[in-house]
Amino acid sequence: MTEESARLARALIEFREAEGISERELAHRTWLSEATIRIFESDRGGLPTPTVARSFEEVLGWAPGSIKTTPSDAMGRESSADSAMELE
């Protein structure tokens, strides 16, 4: 886990605790899957794709671009999985 991913994980967990919401509710608010929330709250989380980062920034109230993201050519499985989940 990088320092950036650790910062994001702490922020997401603290946000959920402060709001008193579940992973499911955070997933609903961000339009992401519960699996994505769990990944970024865990020690398995790396840097998010730009789309995922933007969703987290919006819900956390952070400025756009404040979350470091993966390079655009690294976008793949994660954004595809979240897109599929949004269609359900």
Protein backbone atom coordinates (compact mmCIF):
# COMPACT_ATOMS: atom_id res chain seq x y z
CA MET A 1 0.00 0.00 0.00
CA THR A 2 1.41 3.36 -0.95
CA GLU A 3 1.14 6.45 1.20
CA GLU A 4 -1.51 7.81 -1.17
CA SER A 5 -3.61 4.65 -1.08
CA ALA A 6 -3.29 4.51 2.73
CA ARG A 7 -4.52 8.12 2.95
CA LEU A 8 -7.51 7.29 0.76
CA ALA A 9 -8.31 4.13 2.74
CA ARG A 10 -8.24 6.06 6.04
CA ALA A 11 -10.40 8.83 4.59
CA LEU A 12 -13.02 6.41 3.29
CA ILE A 13 -13.21 4.50 6.56
CA GLU A 14 -13.36 7.69 8.63
CA PHE A 15 -16.05 9.09 6.34
CA ARG A 16 -18.20 5.96 6.68
CA GLU A 17 -17.78 5.96 10.45
CA ALA A 18 -18.58 9.67 10.75
CA GLU A 19 -21.68 9.28 8.56
CA GLY A 20 -22.66 6.00 10.21
CA ILE A 21 -23.06 4.29 6.84
CA SER A 22 -22.24 0.85 5.49
CA GLU A 23 -20.05 -0.12 2.55
CA ARG A 24 -23.27 -0.62 0.63
CA GLU A 25 -24.43 2.95 1.28
CA LEU A 26 -21.01 4.37 0.33
CA ALA A 27 -21.12 2.30 -2.85
CA HIS A 28 -24.55 3.73 -3.59
CA ARG A 29 -23.39 7.32 -2.98
CA THR A 30 -20.32 6.91 -5.21
CA TRP A 31 -22.00 4.80 -7.91
CA LEU A 32 -19.27 2.20 -7.39
CA SER A 33 -19.48 -1.44 -6.40
CA GLU A 34 -19.21 -2.63 -2.82
CA ALA A 35 -16.18 -4.67 -3.93
CA THR A 36 -14.48 -1.48 -5.08
CA ILE A 37 -15.18 0.17 -1.73
CA ARG A 38 -13.74 -2.85 0.11
CA ILE A 39 -10.62 -2.87 -2.09
CA PHE A 40 -9.85 0.79 -1.49
CA GLU A 41 -10.53 0.52 2.24
CA SER A 42 -8.18 -2.47 2.53
CA ASP A 43 -4.46 -2.95 2.28
CA ARG A 44 -5.01 -4.33 -1.25
CA GLY A 45 -5.98 -0.94 -2.57
CA GLY A 46 -3.67 0.75 -5.00
CA LEU A 47 -4.29 3.98 -6.82
CA PRO A 48 -7.78 4.37 -8.29
CA THR A 49 -8.61 5.10 -11.89
CA PRO A 50 -9.54 8.72 -12.63
CA THR A 51 -13.25 7.85 -12.68
CA VAL A 52 -13.12 6.12 -9.29
CA ALA A 53 -11.00 8.91 -7.83
CA ARG A 54 -13.52 11.51 -9.01
CA SER A 55 -16.35 9.62 -7.30
CA PHE A 56 -14.38 9.46 -4.05
CA GLU A 57 -13.43 13.14 -4.24
CA GLU A 58 -17.07 14.13 -4.69
CA VAL A 59 -18.36 12.12 -1.74
CA LEU A 60 -15.43 13.10 0.52
CA GLY A 61 -15.76 16.76 -0.44
CA TRP A 62 -12.18 16.90 -1.72
CA ALA A 63 -11.03 19.13 -4.55
CA PRO A 64 -10.94 17.58 -8.02
CA GLY A 65 -7.53 16.07 -8.70
CA SER A 66 -6.64 15.71 -5.02
CA ILE A 67 -6.48 11.90 -5.26
CA LYS A 68 -3.52 10.56 -7.19
CA THR A 69 -4.68 8.13 -9.88
CA THR A 70 -3.29 5.34 -12.02
CA PRO A 71 -1.94 6.36 -15.42
CA SER A 72 -4.72 6.46 -18.02
CA ASP A 73 -3.26 3.49 -19.91
CA ALA A 74 -3.60 1.34 -16.76
CA MET A 75 -7.38 1.68 -16.71
CA GLY A 76 -8.93 -1.69 -17.25
CA ARG A 77 -10.66 -4.27 -15.16
CA GLU A 78 -11.68 -2.00 -12.31
CA SER A 79 -13.46 0.65 -14.35
CA SER A 80 -15.06 -2.05 -16.49
CA ALA A 81 -16.29 -3.89 -13.41
CA ASP A 82 -17.75 -0.72 -11.91
CA SER A 83 -19.43 0.18 -15.19
CA ALA A 84 -21.05 -3.24 -15.26
CA MET A 85 -22.18 -2.88 -11.63
CA GLU A 86 -23.77 0.48 -12.37
CA LEU A 87 -25.95 -1.11 -15.03
CA GLU A 88 -27.45 -3.60 -12.55
